[in-house]
Every structure is written in structure tokens, then in C-alpha cells.
PDB file of N, CA and C in Angstrom:
ATOM      1  N   MET A   1      77.857 101.707  14.428  1.00  0.00           N
ATOM      2  CA  MET A   1      77.849 100.334  13.996  1.00  0.00           C
ATOM      3  C   MET A   1      79.254  99.735  14.094  1.00  0.00           C
ATOM      4  N   ALA A   2      80.264 100.478  13.701  1.00  0.00           N
ATOM      5  CA  ALA A   2      81.638  99.976  13.749  1.00  0.00           C
ATOM      6  C   ALA A   2      82.070  99.696  15.189  1.00  0.00           C
ATOM      7  N   PHE A   3      81.621 100.545  16.117  1.00  0.00           N
ATOM      8  CA  PHE A   3      81.961 100.338  17.522  1.00  0.00           C
ATOM      9  C   PHE A   3      81.380  99.021  18.029  1.00  0.00           C
ATOM     10  N   LEU A   4      80.114  98.774  17.752  1.00  0.00           N
ATOM     11  CA  LEU A   4      79.487  97.537  18.198  1.00  0.00           C
ATOM     12  C   LEU A   4      80.151  96.306  17.584  1.00  0.00           C
ATOM     13  N   GLU A   5      80.551  96.411  16.340  1.00  0.00           N
ATOM     14  CA  GLU A   5      81.254  95.304  15.692  1.00  0.00           C
ATOM     15  C   GLU A   5      82.606  95.058  16.350  1.00  0.00           C
ATOM     16  N   ALA A   6      83.300  96.126  16.726  1.00  0.00           N
ATOM     17  CA  ALA A   6      84.596  95.990  17.389  1.00  0.00           C
ATOM     18  C   ALA A   6      84.440  95.349  18.767  1.00  0.00           C
ATOM     19  N   VAL A   7      83.403  95.751  19.501  1.00  0.00           N
ATOM     20  CA  VAL A   7      83.138  95.151  20.812  1.00  0.00           C
ATOM     21  C   VAL A   7      82.769  93.682  20.640  1.00  0.00           C
ATOM     22  N   ASP A   8      81.929  93.379  19.687  1.00  0.00           N
ATOM     23  CA  ASP A   8      81.526  91.996  19.437  1.00  0.00           C
ATOM     24  C   ASP A   8      82.727  91.133  19.056  1.00  0.00           C
ATOM     25  N   THR A   9      83.595  91.644  18.226  1.00  0.00           N
ATOM     26  CA  THR A   9      84.800  90.909  17.829  1.00  0.00           C
ATOM     27  C   THR A   9      85.659  90.593  19.043  1.00  0.00           C
ATOM     28  N   LYS A  10      85.832  91.568  19.929  1.00  0.00           N
ATOM     29  CA  LYS A  10      86.644  91.349  21.125  1.00  0.00           C
ATOM     30  C   LYS A  10      85.989  90.344  22.056  1.00  0.00           C
ATOM     31  N   ILE A  11      84.668  90.401  22.181  1.00  0.00           N
ATOM     32  CA  ILE A  11      83.964  89.435  23.034  1.00  0.00           C
ATOM     33  C   ILE A  11      84.100  88.025  22.463  1.00  0.00           C
ATOM     34  N   GLN A  12      84.066  87.893  21.155  1.00  0.00           N
ATOM     35  CA  GLN A  12      84.268  86.577  20.536  1.00  0.00           C
ATOM     36  C   GLN A  12      85.670  86.050  20.857  1.00  0.00           C
ATOM     37  N   LEU A  13      86.668  86.930  20.883  1.00  0.00           N
ATOM     38  CA  LEU A  13      88.017  86.516  21.277  1.00  0.00           C
ATOM     39  C   LEU A  13      88.058  86.094  22.737  1.00  0.00           C
ATOM     40  N   LEU A  14      87.313  86.808  23.584  1.00  0.00           N
ATOM     41  CA  LEU A  14      87.245  86.440  25.000  1.00  0.00           C
ATOM     42  C   LEU A  14      86.660  85.038  25.172  1.00  0.00           C
ATOM     43  N   ILE A  15      85.667  84.723  24.381  1.00  0.00           N
ATOM     44  CA  ILE A  15      85.027  83.411  24.470  1.00  0.00           C
ATOM     45  C   ILE A  15      86.031  82.301  24.142  1.00  0.00           C
ATOM     46  N   THR A  16      86.868  82.532  23.148  1.00  0.00           N
ATOM     47  CA  THR A  16      87.823  81.496  22.754  1.00  0.00           C
ATOM     48  C   THR A  16      89.015  81.397  23.699  1.00  0.00           C
ATOM     49  N   ASN A  17      89.383  82.499  24.355  1.00  0.00           N
ATOM     50  CA  ASN A  17      90.521  82.479  25.269  1.00  0.00           C
ATOM     51  C   ASN A  17      90.334  83.513  26.378  1.00  0.00           C
ATOM     52  N   PRO A  18      89.479  83.239  27.351  1.00  0.00           N
ATOM     53  CA  PRO A  18      89.164  84.234  28.382  1.00  0.00           C
ATOM     54  C   PRO A  18      90.322  84.560  29.320  1.00  0.00           C
ATOM     55  N   ASN A  19      91.318  83.679  29.418  1.00  0.00           N
ATOM     56  CA  ASN A  19      92.458  83.936  30.309  1.00  0.00           C
ATOM     57  C   ASN A  19      93.580  84.706  29.629  1.00  0.00           C
ATOM     58  N   ALA A  20      93.371  85.152  28.416  1.00  0.00           N
ATOM     59  CA  ALA A  20      94.423  85.833  27.658  1.00  0.00           C
ATOM     60  C   ALA A  20      94.779  87.203  28.236  1.00  0.00           C
ATOM     61  N   TYR A  21      93.890  87.781  28.992  1.00  0.00           N
ATOM     62  CA  TYR A  21      94.112  89.131  29.499  1.00  0.00           C
ATOM     63  C   TYR A  21      94.319  89.102  31.003  1.00  0.00           C
ATOM     64  N   GLN A  22      95.195  89.982  31.466  1.00  0.00           N
ATOM     65  CA  GLN A  22      95.581  89.966  32.871  1.00  0.00           C
ATOM     66  C   GLN A  22      94.509  90.549  33.787  1.00  0.00           C
ATOM     67  N   LYS A  23      94.577  90.132  35.042  1.00  0.00           N
ATOM     68  CA  LYS A  23      93.696  90.686  36.068  1.00  0.00           C
ATOM     69  C   LYS A  23      94.192  92.078  36.407  1.00  0.00           C
ATOM     70  N   ARG A  24      93.282  93.022  36.499  1.00  0.00           N
ATOM     71  CA  ARG A  24      93.631  94.403  36.817  1.00  0.00           C
ATOM     72  C   ARG A  24      93.153  94.824  38.198  1.00  0.00           C
ATOM     73  N   TYR A  25      91.963  94.408  38.576  1.00  0.00           N
ATOM     74  CA  TYR A  25      91.364  94.785  39.855  1.00  0.00           C
ATOM     75  C   TYR A  25      90.822  93.524  40.495  1.00  0.00           C
ATOM     76  N   LYS A  26      91.564  92.983  41.452  1.00  0.00           N
ATOM     77  CA  LYS A  26      91.201  91.715  42.093  1.00  0.00           C
ATOM     78  C   LYS A  26      90.969  90.657  41.027  1.00  0.00           C
ATOM     79  N   GLU A  27      89.741  90.243  40.796  1.00  0.00           N
ATOM     80  CA  GLU A  27      89.459  89.196  39.807  1.00  0.00           C
ATOM     81  C   GLU A  27      88.995  89.760  38.462  1.00  0.00           C
ATOM     82  N   THR A  28      88.916  91.067  38.360  1.00  0.00           N
ATOM     83  CA  THR A  28      88.422  91.689  37.131  1.00  0.00           C
ATOM     84  C   THR A  28      89.540  91.829  36.113  1.00  0.00           C
ATOM     85  N   ARG A  29      89.248  91.371  34.917  1.00  0.00           N
ATOM     86  CA  ARG A  29      90.192  91.473  33.804  1.00  0.00           C
ATOM     87  C   ARG A  29      89.759  92.613  32.889  1.00  0.00           C
ATOM     88  N   LEU A  30      90.686  93.044  32.063  1.00  0.00           N
ATOM     89  CA  LEU A  30      90.440  94.198  31.208  1.00  0.00           C
ATOM     90  C   LEU A  30      91.073  93.950  29.850  1.00  0.00           C
ATOM     91  N   THR A  31      90.335  94.249  28.797  1.00  0.00           N
ATOM     92  CA  THR A  31      90.875  94.179  27.447  1.00  0.00           C
ATOM     93  C   THR A  31      90.414  95.400  26.671  1.00  0.00           C
ATOM     94  N   LEU A  32      91.280  95.902  25.819  1.00  0.00           N
ATOM     95  CA  LEU A  32      90.972  97.092  25.041  1.00  0.00           C
ATOM     96  C   LEU A  32      90.235  96.736  23.757  1.00  0.00           C
ATOM     97  N   VAL A  33      89.341  97.622  23.340  1.00  0.00           N
ATOM     98  CA  VAL A  33      88.592  97.452  22.094  1.00  0.00           C
ATOM     99  C   VAL A  33      89.429  98.065  20.975  1.00  0.00           C
ATOM    100  N   LYS A  34      89.673  97.290  19.941  1.00  0.00           N
ATOM    101  CA  LYS A  34      90.521  97.736  18.838  1.00  0.00           C
ATOM    102  C   LYS A  34      89.911  98.950  18.125  1.00  0.00           C
ATOM    103  N   LYS A  35      90.745  99.956  17.880  1.00  0.00           N
ATOM    104  CA  LYS A  35      90.409 101.189  17.153  1.00  0.00           C
ATOM    105  C   LYS A  35      89.530 102.168  17.924  1.00  0.00           C
ATOM    106  N   PHE A  36      89.154 101.833  19.153  1.00  0.00           N
ATOM    107  CA  PHE A  36      88.316 102.730  19.960  1.00  0.00           C
ATOM    108  C   PHE A  36      88.923 102.844  21.350  1.00  0.00           C
ATOM    109  N   PRO A  37      88.779 103.988  21.991  1.00  0.00           N
ATOM    110  CA  PRO A  37      89.356 104.171  23.332  1.00  0.00           C
ATOM    111  C   PRO A  37      88.434 103.627  24.436  1.00  0.00           C
ATOM    112  N   TYR A  38      88.102 102.366  24.330  1.00  0.00           N
ATOM    113  CA  TYR A  38      87.224 101.714  25.299  1.00  0.00           C
ATOM    114  C   TYR A  38      87.848 100.425  25.779  1.00  0.00           C
ATOM    115  N   ALA A  39      87.481 100.032  27.000  1.00  0.00           N
ATOM    116  CA  ALA A  39      87.958  98.778  27.568  1.00  0.00           C
ATOM    117  C   ALA A  39      86.764  97.972  28.073  1.00  0.00           C
ATOM    118  N   ILE A  40      86.867  96.664  27.928  1.00  0.00           N
ATOM    119  CA  ILE A  40      85.847  95.746  28.435  1.00  0.00           C
ATOM    120  C   ILE A  40      86.350  95.202  29.764  1.00  0.00           C
ATOM    121  N   HIS A  41      85.556  95.376  30.810  1.00  0.00           N
ATOM    122  CA  HIS A  41      85.880  94.885  32.147  1.00  0.00           C
ATOM    123  C   HIS A  41      85.048  93.626  32.379  1.00  0.00           C
ATOM    124  N   TYR A  42      85.726  92.514  32.696  1.00  0.00           N
ATOM    125  CA  TYR A  42      85.003  91.258  32.839  1.00  0.00           C
ATOM    126  C   TYR A  42      85.631  90.366  33.910  1.00  0.00           C
ATOM    127  N   THR A  43      84.855  89.412  34.378  1.00  0.00           N
ATOM    128  CA  THR A  43      85.347  88.407  35.312  1.00  0.00           C
ATOM    129  C   THR A  43      84.996  87.028  34.780  1.00  0.00           C
ATOM    130  N   LEU A  44      85.712  86.047  35.299  1.00  0.00           N
ATOM    131  CA  LEU A  44      85.475  84.650  34.940  1.00  0.00           C
ATOM    132  C   LEU A  44      84.994  83.900  36.174  1.00  0.00           C
ATOM    133  N   GLU A  45      83.937  83.126  35.997  1.00  0.00           N
ATOM    134  CA  GLU A  45      83.442  82.263  37.061  1.00  0.00           C
ATOM    135  C   GLU A  45      83.064  80.940  36.440  1.00  0.00           C
ATOM    136  N   LYS A  46      83.872  79.929  36.765  1.00  0.00           N
ATOM    137  CA  LYS A  46      83.715  78.599  36.179  1.00  0.00           C
ATOM    138  C   LYS A  46      83.760  78.717  34.661  1.00  0.00           C
ATOM    139  N   ASN A  47      82.711  78.365  33.956  1.00  0.00           N
ATOM    140  CA  ASN A  47      82.706  78.424  32.492  1.00  0.00           C
ATOM    141  C   ASN A  47      81.969  79.639  31.951  1.00  0.00           C
ATOM    142  N   PHE A  48      81.835  80.680  32.771  1.00  0.00           N
ATOM    143  CA  PHE A  48      81.076  81.861  32.370  1.00  0.00           C
ATOM    144  C   PHE A  48      81.959  83.100  32.352  1.00  0.00           C
ATOM    145  N   ILE A  49      81.697  83.974  31.385  1.00  0.00           N
ATOM    146  CA  ILE A  49      82.344  85.272  31.308  1.00  0.00           C
ATOM    147  C   ILE A  49      81.279  86.316  31.616  1.00  0.00           C
ATOM    148  N   PHE A  50      81.539  87.133  32.629  1.00  0.00           N
ATOM    149  CA  PHE A  50      80.600  88.192  33.002  1.00  0.00           C
ATOM    150  C   PHE A  50      81.204  89.537  32.613  1.00  0.00           C
ATOM    151  N   VAL A  51      80.590  90.211  31.653  1.00  0.00           N
ATOM    152  CA  VAL A  51      81.037  91.543  31.252  1.00  0.00           C
ATOM    153  C   VAL A  51      80.340  92.539  32.179  1.00  0.00           C
ATOM    154  N   HIS A  52      81.142  93.274  32.928  1.00  0.00           N
ATOM    155  CA  HIS A  52      80.592  94.225  33.898  1.00  0.00           C
ATOM    156  C   HIS A  52      80.428  95.614  33.308  1.00  0.00           C
ATOM    157  N   ALA A  53      81.304  95.956  32.366  1.00  0.00           N
ATOM    158  CA  ALA A  53      81.218  97.304  31.786  1.00  0.00           C
ATOM    159  C   ALA A  53      82.064  97.392  30.525  1.00  0.00           C
ATOM    160  N   VAL A  54      81.654  98.294  29.655  1.00  0.00           N
ATOM    161  CA  VAL A  54      82.465  98.727  28.517  1.00  0.00           C
ATOM    162  C   VAL A  54      82.601 100.233  28.715  1.00  0.00           C
ATOM    163  N   LEU A  55      83.791 100.638  29.154  1.00  0.00           N
ATOM    164  CA  LEU A  55      83.989 102.033  29.546  1.00  0.00           C
ATOM    165  C   LEU A  55      85.049 102.722  28.698  1.00  0.00           C
ATOM    166  N   SER A  56      84.867 103.999  28.539  1.00  0.00           N
ATOM    167  CA  SER A  56      85.877 104.824  27.885  1.00  0.00           C
ATOM    168  C   SER A  56      87.151 104.789  28.733  1.00  0.00           C
ATOM    169  N   THR A  57      88.292 104.706  28.079  1.00  0.00           N
ATOM    170  CA  THR A  57      89.548 104.670  28.820  1.00  0.00           C
ATOM    171  C   THR A  57      89.894 106.024  29.443  1.00  0.00           C
ATOM    172  N   SER A  58      89.166 107.074  29.074  1.00  0.00           N
ATOM    173  CA  SER A  58      89.410 108.378  29.686  1.00  0.00           C
ATOM    174  C   SER A  58      88.653 108.556  30.999  1.00  0.00           C
ATOM    175  N   ARG A  59      87.753 107.615  31.307  1.00  0.00           N
ATOM    176  CA  ARG A  59      86.995 107.672  32.564  1.00  0.00           C
ATOM    177  C   ARG A  59      87.732 106.936  33.661  1.00  0.00           C
ATOM    178  N   ASN A  60      87.347 107.213  34.880  1.00  0.00           N
ATOM    179  CA  ASN A  60      87.933 106.536  36.033  1.00  0.00           C
ATOM    180  C   ASN A  60      87.577 105.048  35.968  1.00  0.00           C
ATOM    181  N   PRO A  61      88.566 104.153  35.917  1.00  0.00           N
ATOM    182  CA  PRO A  61      88.283 102.731  35.777  1.00  0.00           C
ATOM    183  C   PRO A  61      87.586 102.110  36.976  1.00  0.00           C
ATOM    184  N   LYS A  62      87.561 102.787  38.099  1.00  0.00           N
ATOM    185  CA  LYS A  62      86.890 102.239  39.277  1.00  0.00           C
ATOM    186  C   LYS A  62      85.372 102.359  39.185  1.00  0.00           C
ATOM    187  N   ILE A  63      84.872 103.027  38.141  1.00  0.00           N
ATOM    188  CA  ILE A  63      83.426 103.168  37.956  1.00  0.00           C
ATOM    189  C   ILE A  63      82.766 101.803  37.829  1.00  0.00           C
ATOM    190  N   TRP A  64      83.435 100.850  37.164  1.00  0.00           N
ATOM    191  CA  TRP A  64      82.851  99.526  36.991  1.00  0.00           C
ATOM    192  C   TRP A  64      82.526  98.898  38.330  1.00  0.00           C
ATOM    193  N   ASN A  65      83.335  99.204  39.345  1.00  0.00           N
ATOM    194  CA  ASN A  65      83.106  98.620  40.660  1.00  0.00           C
ATOM    195  C   ASN A  65      81.778  99.066  41.231  1.00  0.00           C
ATOM    196  N   ASP A  66      81.384 100.314  41.006  1.00  0.00           N
ATOM    197  CA  ASP A  66      80.103 100.806  41.477  1.00  0.00           C
ATOM    198  C   ASP A  66      78.954 100.092  40.782  1.00  0.00           C
ATOM    199  N   ARG A  67      79.149  99.649  39.548  1.00  0.00           N
ATOM    200  CA  ARG A  67      78.103  98.977  38.783  1.00  0.00           C
ATOM    201  C   ARG A  67      77.878  97.543  39.232  1.00  0.00           C
ATOM    202  N   THR A  68      78.846  96.958  39.910  1.00  0.00           N
ATOM    203  CA  THR A  68      78.725  95.562  40.326  1.00  0.00           C
ATOM    204  C   THR A  68      78.142  95.429  41.721  1.00  0.00           C
ATOM    205  N   LYS A  69      77.866  96.533  42.381  1.00  0.00           N
ATOM    206  CA  LYS A  69      77.319  96.474  43.753  1.00  0.00           C
ATOM    207  C   LYS A  69      75.821  96.402  43.729  1.00  0.00           C
TER     208      LYS A  69
END
């Protein structure tokens, strides 16, 4: 439950300021989930935020790319 709340809190921050985090892979941005070793991978298109993955930071970050194909 705490993990989902942490992810939700971070997504709410993304909604208010989606450009706050730097691009890591072409147009994909990355932000870390507070208190958990996970990162949210997302892109921006016009007024939309697309979350592609929430991955453990110990995994290969290129995995998200396979999920978007």
C-alpha cells in the first residue's frame, strides 16, 4: 500500500510540473519514487503524460523500451 501511495504522489507531482525531470532516453523522462528503489519512465505529448513503466532501479533501464514497441 505504501508503494502505491508513493507512486501516486509522484504522478501527482508530474501532473503539476511534467517538465521538472530531465530527459534520459531520447524523449523519455525519468523520476525516482521516494523511499523505494523504483523509477517512473514517462514521455510528454502535447498535454498528455504517458507512463511507460515503473521499474526497479536495479533492473536494466532499457527494458521500458521493449514495452513501448
